[in-house]
């Protein structure tokens, strides 16, 4: 889980969705991955094709974004956070994409 919406969408489409589709197709045609070596091989090929480098970037970015949200909550509680000044610090979590922009590296929002 990540607070970055574009990253979560990419993960759901390219990892979770592909695995779910393969397993659903196996069961839809009457296969059983526990009993059929061909079905297990199909799942193994899928697991080997998952882009683990991109997933590592997403995981790192998610950890940084969660830390950023904790710091933002502290500033909001102290009355020092203004979302209008935050938009000048760069893209926000709602428009950021790790695979397009790199790893999220902001650990603290701009205090007001």
N, C-alpha and C. Protein backbone atom coordinates (compact mmCIF):
# COMPACT_ATOMS: atom_id res chain seq x y z
N UNK A 1 0.84 -1.18 0.00
CA UNK A 1 0.00 0.00 0.00
C UNK A 1 0.88 1.23 0.00
N UNK A 2 0.47 2.19 -0.79
CA UNK A 2 1.23 3.42 -0.89
C UNK A 2 0.26 4.60 -0.94
N UNK A 3 0.65 5.74 -0.39
CA UNK A 3 -0.21 6.92 -0.50
C UNK A 3 -0.16 7.58 -1.87
N UNK A 4 0.72 7.13 -2.72
CA UNK A 4 0.86 7.71 -4.07
C UNK A 4 -0.09 6.95 -5.00
N UNK A 5 -1.11 7.63 -5.45
CA UNK A 5 -2.19 6.99 -6.20
C UNK A 5 -1.70 6.36 -7.51
N UNK A 6 -0.87 7.05 -8.25
CA UNK A 6 -0.40 6.52 -9.53
C UNK A 6 0.42 5.25 -9.34
N UNK A 7 1.20 5.20 -8.27
CA UNK A 7 2.00 4.00 -7.98
C UNK A 7 1.10 2.83 -7.63
N UNK A 8 0.08 3.08 -6.83
CA UNK A 8 -0.84 2.01 -6.44
C UNK A 8 -1.58 1.48 -7.67
N UNK A 9 -1.99 2.38 -8.55
CA UNK A 9 -2.67 1.95 -9.78
C UNK A 9 -1.76 1.09 -10.64
N UNK A 10 -0.49 1.50 -10.79
CA UNK A 10 0.46 0.72 -11.58
C UNK A 10 0.64 -0.67 -10.98
N UNK A 11 0.80 -0.74 -9.66
CA UNK A 11 1.00 -2.03 -9.00
C UNK A 11 -0.22 -2.93 -9.18
N UNK A 12 -1.39 -2.35 -9.01
CA UNK A 12 -2.61 -3.15 -9.17
C UNK A 12 -2.76 -3.68 -10.59
N UNK A 13 -2.37 -2.89 -11.56
CA UNK A 13 -2.51 -3.30 -12.96
C UNK A 13 -1.42 -4.29 -13.38
N UNK A 14 -0.18 -4.02 -13.02
CA UNK A 14 0.95 -4.79 -13.55
C UNK A 14 1.40 -5.96 -12.68
N UNK A 15 0.98 -6.01 -11.45
CA UNK A 15 1.40 -7.11 -10.58
C UNK A 15 0.17 -7.89 -10.12
N UNK A 16 -0.62 -7.29 -9.28
CA UNK A 16 -1.79 -7.97 -8.72
C UNK A 16 -2.76 -8.40 -9.82
N UNK A 17 -3.02 -7.52 -10.75
CA UNK A 17 -3.96 -7.82 -11.82
C UNK A 17 -3.50 -8.96 -12.70
N UNK A 18 -2.21 -8.97 -13.06
CA UNK A 18 -1.70 -10.04 -13.93
C UNK A 18 -1.75 -11.39 -13.23
N UNK A 19 -1.37 -11.41 -11.95
CA UNK A 19 -1.40 -12.67 -11.21
C UNK A 19 -2.84 -13.17 -11.09
N UNK A 20 -3.74 -12.28 -10.77
CA UNK A 20 -5.15 -12.65 -10.64
C UNK A 20 -5.70 -13.18 -11.97
N UNK A 21 -5.33 -12.52 -13.08
CA UNK A 21 -5.82 -12.95 -14.39
C UNK A 21 -5.31 -14.35 -14.75
N UNK A 22 -4.04 -14.62 -14.50
CA UNK A 22 -3.48 -15.93 -14.82
C UNK A 22 -4.16 -17.01 -13.99
N UNK A 23 -4.30 -16.78 -12.70
CA UNK A 23 -4.92 -17.78 -11.83
C UNK A 23 -6.39 -17.98 -12.21
N UNK A 24 -7.10 -16.90 -12.50
CA UNK A 24 -8.50 -17.02 -12.91
C UNK A 24 -8.62 -17.80 -14.22
N UNK A 25 -7.71 -17.56 -15.18
CA UNK A 25 -7.74 -18.28 -16.45
C UNK A 25 -7.47 -19.77 -16.25
N UNK A 26 -6.56 -20.09 -15.34
CA UNK A 26 -6.27 -21.51 -15.07
C UNK A 26 -7.52 -22.20 -14.54
N UNK A 27 -8.16 -21.59 -13.57
CA UNK A 27 -9.37 -22.21 -13.00
C UNK A 27 -10.55 -22.18 -13.97
N UNK A 28 -10.62 -21.16 -14.83
CA UNK A 28 -11.73 -21.08 -15.79
C UNK A 28 -11.67 -22.21 -16.81
N UNK A 29 -10.49 -22.64 -17.18
CA UNK A 29 -10.37 -23.74 -18.14
C UNK A 29 -10.32 -25.10 -17.46
N UNK A 30 -10.55 -25.11 -16.13
CA UNK A 30 -10.63 -26.36 -15.41
C UNK A 30 -9.30 -26.86 -14.89
N UNK A 31 -8.28 -26.04 -14.94
CA UNK A 31 -6.96 -26.45 -14.45
C UNK A 31 -6.86 -26.35 -12.93
N UNK A 32 -5.85 -26.97 -12.40
CA UNK A 32 -5.59 -26.93 -10.97
C UNK A 32 -4.08 -26.82 -10.76
N UNK A 33 -3.60 -25.67 -10.31
CA UNK A 33 -2.15 -25.50 -10.17
C UNK A 33 -1.52 -26.44 -9.14
N UNK A 34 -2.30 -26.98 -8.24
CA UNK A 34 -1.74 -27.91 -7.26
C UNK A 34 -1.48 -29.29 -7.87
N UNK A 35 -2.22 -29.63 -8.90
CA UNK A 35 -2.10 -30.98 -9.49
C UNK A 35 -1.45 -30.99 -10.86
N UNK A 36 -1.38 -29.86 -11.51
CA UNK A 36 -0.91 -29.82 -12.90
C UNK A 36 0.40 -29.05 -12.98
N UNK A 37 1.43 -29.71 -13.45
CA UNK A 37 2.75 -29.07 -13.56
C UNK A 37 2.74 -27.94 -14.58
N UNK A 38 1.96 -28.06 -15.63
CA UNK A 38 1.89 -27.01 -16.65
C UNK A 38 1.31 -25.73 -16.05
N UNK A 39 0.29 -25.85 -15.21
CA UNK A 39 -0.29 -24.67 -14.56
C UNK A 39 0.70 -24.04 -13.59
N UNK A 40 1.44 -24.88 -12.86
CA UNK A 40 2.46 -24.34 -11.96
C UNK A 40 3.56 -23.63 -12.75
N UNK A 41 3.91 -24.17 -13.89
CA UNK A 41 4.93 -23.56 -14.73
C UNK A 41 4.45 -22.20 -15.27
N UNK A 42 3.18 -22.12 -15.60
CA UNK A 42 2.63 -20.85 -16.08
C UNK A 42 2.70 -19.78 -14.98
N UNK A 43 2.38 -20.16 -13.75
CA UNK A 43 2.47 -19.22 -12.63
C UNK A 43 3.93 -18.86 -12.37
N UNK A 44 4.82 -19.83 -12.47
CA UNK A 44 6.25 -19.57 -12.26
C UNK A 44 6.79 -18.60 -13.32
N UNK A 45 6.39 -18.78 -14.57
CA UNK A 45 6.83 -17.86 -15.63
C UNK A 45 6.32 -16.45 -15.35
N UNK A 46 5.10 -16.34 -14.88
CA UNK A 46 4.55 -15.03 -14.54
C UNK A 46 5.36 -14.40 -13.41
N UNK A 47 5.66 -15.16 -12.38
CA UNK A 47 6.41 -14.62 -11.24
C UNK A 47 7.81 -14.18 -11.66
N UNK A 48 8.41 -14.88 -12.62
CA UNK A 48 9.73 -14.50 -13.10
C UNK A 48 9.70 -13.28 -14.00
N UNK A 49 8.54 -12.93 -14.52
CA UNK A 49 8.43 -11.78 -15.42
C UNK A 49 8.02 -10.50 -14.70
N UNK A 50 7.76 -10.60 -13.40
CA UNK A 50 7.35 -9.41 -12.64
C UNK A 50 8.54 -8.45 -12.53
N UNK A 51 8.34 -7.17 -12.77
CA UNK A 51 9.44 -6.19 -12.74
C UNK A 51 9.83 -5.81 -11.30
N UNK A 52 10.69 -6.61 -10.69
CA UNK A 52 11.05 -6.41 -9.29
C UNK A 52 11.80 -5.10 -9.05
N UNK A 53 12.54 -4.60 -10.05
CA UNK A 53 13.23 -3.33 -9.90
C UNK A 53 12.26 -2.17 -9.70
N UNK A 54 11.20 -2.16 -10.50
CA UNK A 54 10.19 -1.12 -10.35
C UNK A 54 9.46 -1.25 -9.03
N UNK A 55 9.21 -2.48 -8.60
CA UNK A 55 8.52 -2.68 -7.32
C UNK A 55 9.39 -2.16 -6.17
N UNK A 56 10.70 -2.36 -6.26
CA UNK A 56 11.60 -1.84 -5.22
C UNK A 56 11.56 -0.32 -5.17
N UNK A 57 11.51 0.32 -6.34
CA UNK A 57 11.38 1.78 -6.37
C UNK A 57 10.07 2.22 -5.73
N UNK A 58 8.99 1.53 -6.07
CA UNK A 58 7.69 1.88 -5.51
C UNK A 58 7.69 1.71 -3.99
N UNK A 59 8.31 0.65 -3.51
CA UNK A 59 8.35 0.40 -2.06
C UNK A 59 9.14 1.50 -1.35
N UNK A 60 10.27 1.88 -1.91
CA UNK A 60 11.08 2.94 -1.31
C UNK A 60 10.33 4.27 -1.31
N UNK A 61 9.69 4.55 -2.42
CA UNK A 61 8.91 5.78 -2.53
C UNK A 61 7.74 5.79 -1.55
N UNK A 62 7.10 4.64 -1.36
CA UNK A 62 5.96 4.54 -0.44
C UNK A 62 6.41 4.80 1.00
N UNK A 63 7.56 4.26 1.38
CA UNK A 63 8.06 4.49 2.74
C UNK A 63 8.35 5.97 2.97
N UNK A 64 8.97 6.61 1.98
CA UNK A 64 9.24 8.05 2.09
C UNK A 64 7.95 8.86 2.15
N UNK A 65 6.97 8.49 1.34
CA UNK A 65 5.71 9.22 1.32
C UNK A 65 4.96 9.07 2.64
N UNK A 66 5.03 7.89 3.25
CA UNK A 66 4.38 7.69 4.55
C UNK A 66 5.04 8.55 5.62
N UNK A 67 6.36 8.66 5.57
CA UNK A 67 7.08 9.53 6.51
C UNK A 67 6.69 10.99 6.28
N UNK A 68 6.57 11.36 5.02
CA UNK A 68 6.14 12.72 4.67
C UNK A 68 4.75 13.02 5.25
N UNK A 69 3.83 12.06 5.14
CA UNK A 69 2.48 12.27 5.67
C UNK A 69 2.48 12.39 7.19
N UNK A 70 3.35 11.66 7.87
CA UNK A 70 3.46 11.80 9.32
C UNK A 70 3.93 13.19 9.69
N UNK A 71 4.94 13.68 8.98
CA UNK A 71 5.46 15.03 9.26
C UNK A 71 4.41 16.09 8.92
N UNK A 72 3.66 15.86 7.84
CA UNK A 72 2.60 16.81 7.48
C UNK A 72 1.53 16.85 8.55
N UNK A 73 1.19 15.70 9.12
CA UNK A 73 0.18 15.65 10.19
C UNK A 73 0.66 16.43 11.41
N UNK A 74 1.94 16.35 11.71
CA UNK A 74 2.49 17.12 12.83
C UNK A 74 2.37 18.61 12.57
N UNK A 75 2.69 19.03 11.34
CA UNK A 75 2.57 20.45 11.00
C UNK A 75 1.12 20.91 11.02
N UNK A 76 0.22 20.06 10.55
CA UNK A 76 -1.20 20.42 10.58
C UNK A 76 -1.69 20.57 12.01
N UNK A 77 -1.25 19.70 12.90
CA UNK A 77 -1.65 19.78 14.30
C UNK A 77 -1.13 21.04 14.96
N UNK A 78 0.03 21.49 14.52
CA UNK A 78 0.62 22.71 15.08
C UNK A 78 0.11 23.96 14.37
N UNK A 79 -0.70 23.79 13.34
CA UNK A 79 -1.23 24.93 12.59
C UNK A 79 -0.20 25.56 11.66
N UNK A 80 0.80 24.79 11.26
CA UNK A 80 1.88 25.32 10.42
C UNK A 80 1.85 24.80 8.99
N UNK A 81 0.77 24.16 8.60
CA UNK A 81 0.69 23.60 7.26
C UNK A 81 -0.37 24.32 6.45
N UNK A 82 0.02 24.74 5.27
CA UNK A 82 -0.92 25.38 4.35
C UNK A 82 -0.76 24.70 2.99
N UNK A 83 -1.78 24.02 2.51
CA UNK A 83 -1.65 23.31 1.23
C UNK A 83 -1.38 24.25 0.06
N UNK A 84 -1.72 25.51 0.18
CA UNK A 84 -1.46 26.44 -0.92
C UNK A 84 0.03 26.69 -1.10
N UNK A 85 0.80 26.75 -0.01
CA UNK A 85 2.25 26.94 -0.16
C UNK A 85 2.93 25.64 -0.56
N UNK A 86 2.31 24.53 -0.26
CA UNK A 86 2.90 23.24 -0.59
C UNK A 86 2.98 23.00 -2.10
N UNK A 87 2.06 23.58 -2.85
CA UNK A 87 2.06 23.33 -4.29
C UNK A 87 3.29 23.94 -4.98
N UNK A 88 3.97 24.87 -4.33
CA UNK A 88 5.16 25.47 -4.91
C UNK A 88 6.41 24.64 -4.64
N UNK A 89 6.31 23.64 -3.79
CA UNK A 89 7.46 22.80 -3.45
C UNK A 89 7.65 21.66 -4.44
N UNK A 90 6.76 21.50 -5.37
CA UNK A 90 6.85 20.43 -6.35
C UNK A 90 5.54 19.65 -6.42
N UNK A 91 5.53 18.57 -7.18
CA UNK A 91 4.29 17.80 -7.31
C UNK A 91 3.88 17.17 -5.99
N UNK A 92 2.58 17.12 -5.77
CA UNK A 92 2.05 16.50 -4.56
C UNK A 92 1.85 15.02 -4.75
N UNK A 93 1.42 14.37 -3.70
CA UNK A 93 1.21 12.92 -3.75
C UNK A 93 0.13 12.52 -4.74
N UNK A 94 -0.82 13.41 -4.99
CA UNK A 94 -1.92 13.07 -5.90
C UNK A 94 -1.50 13.11 -7.37
N UNK A 95 -0.44 13.84 -7.71
CA UNK A 95 0.00 13.94 -9.10
C UNK A 95 1.36 13.31 -9.34
N UNK A 96 1.96 12.75 -8.32
CA UNK A 96 3.31 12.19 -8.43
C UNK A 96 3.25 10.75 -8.93
N UNK A 97 4.25 10.36 -9.70
CA UNK A 97 4.40 8.97 -10.15
C UNK A 97 5.86 8.59 -10.01
N UNK A 98 6.14 7.59 -9.22
CA UNK A 98 7.52 7.18 -8.98
C UNK A 98 8.21 6.73 -10.25
N UNK A 99 7.52 6.00 -11.10
CA UNK A 99 8.16 5.48 -12.31
C UNK A 99 8.43 6.58 -13.33
N UNK A 100 7.69 7.68 -13.27
CA UNK A 100 7.92 8.79 -14.18
C UNK A 100 8.86 9.85 -13.59
N UNK A 101 8.74 10.11 -12.29
CA UNK A 101 9.46 11.22 -11.65
C UNK A 101 10.62 10.78 -10.77
N UNK A 102 10.80 9.50 -10.55
CA UNK A 102 11.83 9.03 -9.62
C UNK A 102 11.24 8.79 -8.24
N UNK A 103 12.09 8.37 -7.32
CA UNK A 103 11.63 8.04 -5.97
C UNK A 103 11.23 9.31 -5.23
N UNK A 104 10.12 9.24 -4.51
CA UNK A 104 9.66 10.38 -3.69
C UNK A 104 10.70 10.61 -2.62
N UNK A 105 11.29 11.81 -2.60
CA UNK A 105 12.38 12.07 -1.66
C UNK A 105 12.10 13.22 -0.70
N UNK A 106 10.89 13.71 -0.70
CA UNK A 106 10.54 14.78 0.26
C UNK A 106 10.09 14.14 1.57
N UNK A 107 10.79 14.44 2.62
CA UNK A 107 10.46 13.85 3.93
C UNK A 107 9.63 14.77 4.79
N UNK A 108 9.63 16.04 4.45
CA UNK A 108 8.87 16.99 5.27
C UNK A 108 8.25 18.05 4.37
N UNK A 109 7.01 18.42 4.61
CA UNK A 109 6.40 19.48 3.80
C UNK A 109 6.96 20.85 4.20
N UNK A 110 6.64 21.83 3.41
CA UNK A 110 7.09 23.19 3.66
C UNK A 110 6.22 23.78 4.78
N UNK A 111 6.83 24.19 5.90
CA UNK A 111 6.01 24.80 6.96
C UNK A 111 5.53 26.17 6.52
N UNK A 112 4.38 26.58 7.05
CA UNK A 112 3.78 27.87 6.69
C UNK A 112 4.16 28.89 7.71
